[in-house]
Amino acid sequence: MSSRSREHPSAYGAPVELRGKRVLLRALTGADWGEWCDVRDRNVEWLTPWEPMRPANLPDPTRDREAFVARCAARERDRQSGLAHGFGLFVAGPHGDALAGEVNLNGIVRGAQQTATIGYWIDRARAGQR
């Protein structure tokens, strides 16, 4: 592989971390489970109308840490294969970055078309803020 292809933005490498003045997008890890559960639990009624139903035979990642870790691992595999990118959305605050939601790029198609779909969820307490 030439050095040019390694530098190309569509080349697969280390996980992407994007930081703005107040926002950080980075892959979720098992270490995020507790904070992720807190945000999800606070927002059950807010998020349920828009989310697909989880099959009853699958563990709930808000109750089962191993299910959350498996979810993170699946997103990492998708990233490494170039199919998708999953990000935790963190907002800077007085005590560090706080999880506020997720942003996902799915169905990535490379080549001339260069397309993907985007999905997200946001903590109700953060919705509509600038």
N, C-alpha and C. Protein backbone atom coordinates (compact mmCIF):
# COMPACT_ATOMS: atom_id res chain seq x y z
N MET A 1 0.85 -1.17 0.00
CA MET A 1 0.00 0.00 0.00
C MET A 1 0.89 1.24 0.00
N SER A 2 0.64 2.17 -0.88
CA SER A 2 1.45 3.39 -0.95
C SER A 2 1.10 4.32 0.21
N SER A 3 2.00 5.24 0.52
CA SER A 3 1.73 6.20 1.60
C SER A 3 0.54 7.08 1.24
N ARG A 4 0.33 7.31 -0.03
CA ARG A 4 -0.80 8.13 -0.44
C ARG A 4 -2.13 7.47 -0.07
N SER A 5 -2.29 6.17 -0.31
CA SER A 5 -3.55 5.50 0.00
C SER A 5 -3.77 5.43 1.50
N ARG A 6 -2.71 5.33 2.30
CA ARG A 6 -2.87 5.32 3.76
C ARG A 6 -3.38 6.66 4.27
N GLU A 7 -3.08 7.72 3.57
CA GLU A 7 -3.48 9.04 4.01
C GLU A 7 -4.86 9.43 3.51
N HIS A 8 -5.40 8.69 2.60
CA HIS A 8 -6.70 9.03 2.04
C HIS A 8 -7.78 8.92 3.12
N PRO A 9 -8.73 9.88 3.19
CA PRO A 9 -9.76 9.87 4.23
C PRO A 9 -10.61 8.61 4.25
N SER A 10 -10.75 7.93 3.13
CA SER A 10 -11.59 6.74 3.12
C SER A 10 -10.82 5.48 3.48
N ALA A 11 -9.51 5.60 3.73
CA ALA A 11 -8.72 4.44 4.13
C ALA A 11 -9.09 4.05 5.56
N TYR A 12 -9.09 2.74 5.84
CA TYR A 12 -9.47 2.25 7.16
C TYR A 12 -8.23 2.16 8.03
N GLY A 13 -8.32 2.67 9.19
CA GLY A 13 -7.19 2.65 10.12
C GLY A 13 -7.71 2.70 11.53
N ALA A 14 -7.07 3.50 12.33
CA ALA A 14 -7.48 3.66 13.72
C ALA A 14 -8.87 4.28 13.79
N PRO A 15 -9.60 4.03 14.87
CA PRO A 15 -10.93 4.64 15.01
C PRO A 15 -10.86 6.16 14.89
N VAL A 16 -11.89 6.72 14.33
CA VAL A 16 -11.97 8.16 14.11
C VAL A 16 -12.45 8.83 15.39
N GLU A 17 -11.81 9.93 15.73
CA GLU A 17 -12.24 10.78 16.83
C GLU A 17 -12.34 12.19 16.29
N LEU A 18 -13.50 12.80 16.41
CA LEU A 18 -13.74 14.15 15.90
C LEU A 18 -14.07 15.06 17.07
N ARG A 19 -13.33 16.15 17.21
CA ARG A 19 -13.56 17.07 18.32
C ARG A 19 -13.79 18.48 17.79
N GLY A 20 -14.86 19.09 18.28
CA GLY A 20 -15.14 20.49 18.01
C GLY A 20 -14.94 21.29 19.28
N LYS A 21 -15.46 22.51 19.31
CA LYS A 21 -15.30 23.35 20.50
C LYS A 21 -15.99 22.75 21.72
N ARG A 22 -17.18 22.18 21.53
CA ARG A 22 -17.94 21.65 22.66
C ARG A 22 -18.33 20.18 22.49
N VAL A 23 -18.07 19.59 21.34
CA VAL A 23 -18.57 18.25 21.04
C VAL A 23 -17.43 17.32 20.65
N LEU A 24 -17.52 16.10 21.12
CA LEU A 24 -16.59 15.03 20.75
C LEU A 24 -17.39 13.86 20.21
N LEU A 25 -17.00 13.35 19.05
CA LEU A 25 -17.56 12.12 18.50
C LEU A 25 -16.45 11.08 18.54
N ARG A 26 -16.72 9.94 19.22
CA ARG A 26 -15.76 8.85 19.26
C ARG A 26 -16.51 7.55 19.45
N ALA A 27 -15.86 6.45 19.11
CA ALA A 27 -16.47 5.14 19.29
C ALA A 27 -16.74 4.88 20.77
N LEU A 28 -17.87 4.27 21.05
CA LEU A 28 -18.17 3.85 22.42
C LEU A 28 -17.36 2.59 22.74
N THR A 29 -17.01 2.44 24.01
CA THR A 29 -16.29 1.25 24.49
C THR A 29 -17.00 0.72 25.72
N GLY A 30 -16.58 -0.44 26.16
CA GLY A 30 -17.16 -1.03 27.36
C GLY A 30 -17.09 -0.10 28.56
N ALA A 31 -16.09 0.75 28.62
CA ALA A 31 -15.93 1.70 29.72
C ALA A 31 -17.06 2.74 29.76
N ASP A 32 -17.79 2.90 28.66
CA ASP A 32 -18.89 3.88 28.59
C ASP A 32 -20.22 3.32 29.06
N TRP A 33 -20.27 2.02 29.39
CA TRP A 33 -21.55 1.36 29.66
C TRP A 33 -22.36 2.05 30.75
N GLY A 34 -21.76 2.36 31.89
CA GLY A 34 -22.51 2.96 32.99
C GLY A 34 -23.16 4.28 32.60
N GLU A 35 -22.39 5.15 31.98
CA GLU A 35 -22.92 6.46 31.57
C GLU A 35 -23.96 6.29 30.47
N TRP A 36 -23.71 5.36 29.54
CA TRP A 36 -24.66 5.10 28.45
C TRP A 36 -25.99 4.62 29.03
N CYS A 37 -25.92 3.70 30.00
CA CYS A 37 -27.15 3.19 30.63
C CYS A 37 -27.92 4.31 31.32
N ASP A 38 -27.21 5.18 32.04
CA ASP A 38 -27.86 6.29 32.73
C ASP A 38 -28.62 7.17 31.75
N VAL A 39 -27.97 7.52 30.64
CA VAL A 39 -28.62 8.39 29.65
C VAL A 39 -29.80 7.67 29.01
N ARG A 40 -29.62 6.41 28.66
CA ARG A 40 -30.71 5.65 28.03
C ARG A 40 -31.90 5.48 28.99
N ASP A 41 -31.61 5.17 30.25
CA ASP A 41 -32.69 5.00 31.23
C ASP A 41 -33.48 6.28 31.44
N ARG A 42 -32.79 7.41 31.49
CA ARG A 42 -33.48 8.71 31.65
C ARG A 42 -34.36 9.06 30.45
N ASN A 43 -34.06 8.46 29.30
CA ASN A 43 -34.72 8.85 28.05
C ASN A 43 -35.60 7.78 27.44
N VAL A 44 -35.97 6.77 28.21
CA VAL A 44 -36.76 5.66 27.65
C VAL A 44 -38.01 6.17 26.95
N GLU A 45 -38.82 6.98 27.61
CA GLU A 45 -40.06 7.47 26.99
C GLU A 45 -39.79 8.37 25.79
N TRP A 46 -38.73 9.14 25.86
CA TRP A 46 -38.35 10.07 24.78
C TRP A 46 -37.92 9.31 23.53
N LEU A 47 -37.18 8.21 23.69
CA LEU A 47 -36.59 7.49 22.56
C LEU A 47 -37.46 6.37 21.99
N THR A 48 -38.28 5.75 22.82
CA THR A 48 -39.03 4.56 22.41
C THR A 48 -39.86 4.74 21.14
N PRO A 49 -40.55 5.86 20.94
CA PRO A 49 -41.38 5.98 19.72
C PRO A 49 -40.60 5.86 18.42
N TRP A 50 -39.28 6.14 18.44
CA TRP A 50 -38.50 6.15 17.19
C TRP A 50 -37.59 4.95 17.04
N GLU A 51 -37.51 4.12 18.03
CA GLU A 51 -36.55 3.02 17.97
C GLU A 51 -37.22 1.71 17.58
N PRO A 52 -36.47 0.86 16.87
CA PRO A 52 -37.03 -0.46 16.56
C PRO A 52 -37.14 -1.29 17.83
N MET A 53 -38.08 -2.21 17.83
CA MET A 53 -38.23 -3.09 18.99
C MET A 53 -37.09 -4.11 18.98
N ARG A 54 -36.50 -4.31 20.14
CA ARG A 54 -35.44 -5.31 20.30
C ARG A 54 -36.12 -6.68 20.38
N PRO A 55 -35.63 -7.65 19.60
CA PRO A 55 -36.20 -9.00 19.70
C PRO A 55 -36.12 -9.51 21.14
N ALA A 56 -37.17 -10.15 21.61
CA ALA A 56 -37.25 -10.60 23.00
C ALA A 56 -36.13 -11.58 23.38
N ASN A 57 -35.60 -12.29 22.41
CA ASN A 57 -34.55 -13.28 22.71
C ASN A 57 -33.16 -12.67 22.81
N LEU A 58 -33.02 -11.37 22.55
CA LEU A 58 -31.71 -10.71 22.64
C LEU A 58 -31.59 -9.96 23.97
N PRO A 59 -30.41 -10.00 24.58
CA PRO A 59 -30.24 -9.28 25.84
C PRO A 59 -30.30 -7.76 25.63
N ASP A 60 -30.77 -7.09 26.66
CA ASP A 60 -30.91 -5.64 26.64
C ASP A 60 -29.57 -5.01 27.04
N PRO A 61 -28.92 -4.25 26.15
CA PRO A 61 -27.62 -3.67 26.50
C PRO A 61 -27.68 -2.66 27.64
N THR A 62 -28.86 -2.16 28.00
CA THR A 62 -28.95 -1.26 29.16
C THR A 62 -28.98 -2.05 30.47
N ARG A 63 -29.15 -3.35 30.39
CA ARG A 63 -29.20 -4.20 31.59
C ARG A 63 -28.07 -5.22 31.62
N ASP A 64 -27.43 -5.44 30.50
CA ASP A 64 -26.43 -6.50 30.37
C ASP A 64 -25.15 -5.90 29.77
N ARG A 65 -24.13 -5.74 30.62
CA ARG A 65 -22.89 -5.12 30.16
C ARG A 65 -22.28 -5.88 29.00
N GLU A 66 -22.32 -7.22 29.03
CA GLU A 66 -21.74 -8.02 27.95
C GLU A 66 -22.46 -7.75 26.62
N ALA A 67 -23.76 -7.52 26.67
CA ALA A 67 -24.50 -7.18 25.44
C ALA A 67 -24.03 -5.83 24.90
N PHE A 68 -23.78 -4.88 25.80
CA PHE A 68 -23.27 -3.58 25.37
C PHE A 68 -21.87 -3.72 24.76
N VAL A 69 -21.01 -4.50 25.40
CA VAL A 69 -19.66 -4.72 24.89
C VAL A 69 -19.73 -5.40 23.52
N ALA A 70 -20.61 -6.37 23.35
CA ALA A 70 -20.78 -7.04 22.05
C ALA A 70 -21.27 -6.05 21.00
N ARG A 71 -22.14 -5.12 21.39
CA ARG A 71 -22.64 -4.08 20.48
C ARG A 71 -21.48 -3.19 20.03
N CYS A 72 -20.63 -2.79 20.97
CA CYS A 72 -19.46 -1.98 20.64
C CYS A 72 -18.52 -2.74 19.69
N ALA A 73 -18.31 -4.02 19.95
CA ALA A 73 -17.43 -4.84 19.11
C ALA A 73 -18.00 -4.98 17.70
N ALA A 74 -19.32 -5.14 17.58
CA ALA A 74 -19.95 -5.24 16.26
C ALA A 74 -19.77 -3.94 15.48
N ARG A 75 -19.89 -2.82 16.16
CA ARG A 75 -19.70 -1.53 15.48
C ARG A 75 -18.25 -1.35 15.06
N GLU A 76 -17.32 -1.85 15.87
CA GLU A 76 -15.90 -1.77 15.50
C GLU A 76 -15.63 -2.64 14.27
N ARG A 77 -16.23 -3.83 14.21
CA ARG A 77 -16.05 -4.69 13.02
C ARG A 77 -16.62 -4.00 11.78
N ASP A 78 -17.78 -3.38 11.90
CA ASP A 78 -18.37 -2.66 10.77
C ASP A 78 -17.45 -1.52 10.32
N ARG A 79 -16.84 -0.82 11.29
CA ARG A 79 -15.92 0.27 10.95
C ARG A 79 -14.70 -0.27 10.21
N GLN A 80 -14.13 -1.34 10.73
CA GLN A 80 -12.93 -1.92 10.11
C GLN A 80 -13.21 -2.43 8.70
N SER A 81 -14.43 -2.89 8.46
CA SER A 81 -14.76 -3.37 7.11
C SER A 81 -15.26 -2.25 6.20
N GLY A 82 -15.39 -1.05 6.74
CA GLY A 82 -15.80 0.08 5.92
C GLY A 82 -17.29 0.19 5.70
N LEU A 83 -18.09 -0.55 6.48
CA LEU A 83 -19.54 -0.55 6.29
C LEU A 83 -20.26 0.54 7.07
N ALA A 84 -19.70 0.94 8.20
CA ALA A 84 -20.40 1.88 9.08
C ALA A 84 -19.41 2.50 10.06
N HIS A 85 -19.83 3.61 10.65
CA HIS A 85 -19.10 4.24 11.75
C HIS A 85 -20.11 4.59 12.83
N GLY A 86 -19.88 4.13 14.04
CA GLY A 86 -20.73 4.46 15.17
C GLY A 86 -19.97 5.36 16.13
N PHE A 87 -20.62 6.42 16.58
CA PHE A 87 -19.98 7.39 17.47
C PHE A 87 -20.84 7.65 18.69
N GLY A 88 -20.21 7.72 19.84
CA GLY A 88 -20.84 8.34 20.98
C GLY A 88 -20.70 9.83 20.81
N LEU A 89 -21.73 10.58 21.18
CA LEU A 89 -21.71 12.03 21.09
C LEU A 89 -21.55 12.57 22.51
N PHE A 90 -20.43 13.22 22.76
CA PHE A 90 -20.11 13.74 24.08
C PHE A 90 -20.07 15.26 24.02
N VAL A 91 -20.62 15.91 25.05
CA VAL A 91 -20.64 17.37 25.13
C VAL A 91 -19.74 17.80 26.28
N ALA A 92 -18.88 18.77 26.01
CA ALA A 92 -17.97 19.28 27.04
C ALA A 92 -18.75 19.97 28.14
N GLY A 93 -18.33 19.73 29.36
CA GLY A 93 -18.96 20.37 30.51
C GLY A 93 -17.92 20.65 31.57
N PRO A 94 -18.36 21.19 32.70
CA PRO A 94 -17.42 21.57 33.75
C PRO A 94 -16.68 20.38 34.37
N HIS A 95 -17.23 19.18 34.24
CA HIS A 95 -16.61 17.98 34.81
C HIS A 95 -16.11 17.03 33.73
N GLY A 96 -15.85 17.54 32.54
CA GLY A 96 -15.37 16.71 31.44
C GLY A 96 -16.46 16.47 30.42
N ASP A 97 -16.18 15.59 29.48
CA ASP A 97 -17.13 15.28 28.41
C ASP A 97 -18.22 14.36 28.94
N ALA A 98 -19.49 14.71 28.67
CA ALA A 98 -20.63 13.92 29.12
C ALA A 98 -21.35 13.34 27.92
N LEU A 99 -21.70 12.06 27.99
CA LEU A 99 -22.42 11.40 26.90
C LEU A 99 -23.79 12.05 26.72
N ALA A 100 -24.10 12.40 25.48
CA ALA A 100 -25.37 13.05 25.18
C ALA A 100 -26.17 12.32 24.12
N GLY A 101 -25.59 11.26 23.51
CA GLY A 101 -26.31 10.52 22.48
C GLY A 101 -25.36 9.74 21.61
N GLU A 102 -25.85 9.36 20.45
CA GLU A 102 -25.05 8.63 19.47
C GLU A 102 -25.36 9.12 18.07
N VAL A 103 -24.36 8.99 17.19
CA VAL A 103 -24.51 9.28 15.77
C VAL A 103 -23.92 8.09 15.03
N ASN A 104 -24.65 7.58 14.04
CA ASN A 104 -24.18 6.43 13.27
C ASN A 104 -24.27 6.69 11.78
N LEU A 105 -23.19 6.38 11.08
CA LEU A 105 -23.18 6.37 9.62
C LEU A 105 -23.28 4.91 9.21
N ASN A 106 -24.31 4.56 8.48
CA ASN A 106 -24.56 3.17 8.11
C ASN A 106 -24.66 3.03 6.59
N GLY A 107 -24.49 1.82 6.12
CA GLY A 107 -24.65 1.53 4.70
C GLY A 107 -23.70 2.34 3.83
N ILE A 108 -22.45 2.47 4.27
CA ILE A 108 -21.48 3.25 3.52
C ILE A 108 -21.19 2.59 2.18
N VAL A 109 -21.28 3.36 1.12
CA VAL A 109 -20.97 2.89 -0.24
C VAL A 109 -19.85 3.77 -0.76
N ARG A 110 -18.77 3.15 -1.16
CA ARG A 110 -17.62 3.87 -1.71
C ARG A 110 -17.69 3.86 -3.23
N GLY A 111 -16.79 4.55 -3.85
CA GLY A 111 -16.77 4.61 -5.30
C GLY A 111 -17.37 5.93 -5.76
N ALA A 112 -17.90 5.91 -6.95
CA ALA A 112 -18.43 7.15 -7.53
C ALA A 112 -19.60 7.70 -6.73
N GLN A 113 -20.42 6.82 -6.15
CA GLN A 113 -21.61 7.28 -5.46
C GLN A 113 -21.31 7.93 -4.10
N GLN A 114 -20.39 7.41 -3.31
CA GLN A 114 -20.02 7.96 -2.00
C GLN A 114 -21.26 8.34 -1.20
N THR A 115 -21.94 7.33 -0.63
CA THR A 115 -23.17 7.59 0.09
C THR A 115 -23.23 6.81 1.39
N ALA A 116 -24.11 7.20 2.27
CA ALA A 116 -24.37 6.52 3.53
C ALA A 116 -25.68 7.07 4.09
N THR A 117 -26.21 6.39 5.09
CA THR A 117 -27.35 6.93 5.83
C THR A 117 -26.85 7.32 7.22
N ILE A 118 -27.54 8.24 7.82
CA ILE A 118 -27.16 8.69 9.16
C ILE A 118 -28.34 8.51 10.10
N GLY A 119 -28.04 8.07 11.29
CA GLY A 119 -29.04 7.94 12.33
C GLY A 119 -28.47 8.51 13.62
N TYR A 120 -29.33 8.95 14.50
CA TYR A 120 -28.85 9.50 15.76
C TYR A 120 -29.92 9.41 16.82
N TRP A 121 -29.51 9.52 18.05
CA TRP A 121 -30.42 9.79 19.15
C TRP A 121 -29.72 10.78 20.08
N ILE A 122 -30.52 11.56 20.78
CA ILE A 122 -29.96 12.61 21.64
C ILE A 122 -30.73 12.62 22.96
N ASP A 123 -30.02 12.87 24.03
CA ASP A 123 -30.60 13.03 25.36
C ASP A 123 -31.63 14.16 25.29
N ARG A 124 -32.83 13.93 25.80
CA ARG A 124 -33.87 14.94 25.74
C ARG A 124 -33.42 16.25 26.38
N ALA A 125 -32.62 16.17 27.42
CA ALA A 125 -32.13 17.37 28.10
C ALA A 125 -31.20 18.20 27.20
N ARG A 126 -30.66 17.58 26.14
CA ARG A 126 -29.76 18.29 25.22
C ARG A 126 -30.43 18.69 23.91
N ALA A 127 -31.60 18.16 23.64
CA ALA A 127 -32.28 18.41 22.37
C ALA A 127 -32.60 19.90 22.21
N GLY A 128 -32.35 20.41 21.01
CA GLY A 128 -32.67 21.79 20.70
C GLY A 128 -31.67 22.81 21.19
N GLN A 129 -30.59 22.36 21.82
CA GLN A 129 -29.58 23.30 22.30
C GLN A 129 -28.60 23.62 21.21
N ARG A 130 -27.99 24.76 21.29
CA ARG A 130 -26.97 25.18 20.32
C ARG A 130 -25.61 25.15 20.94
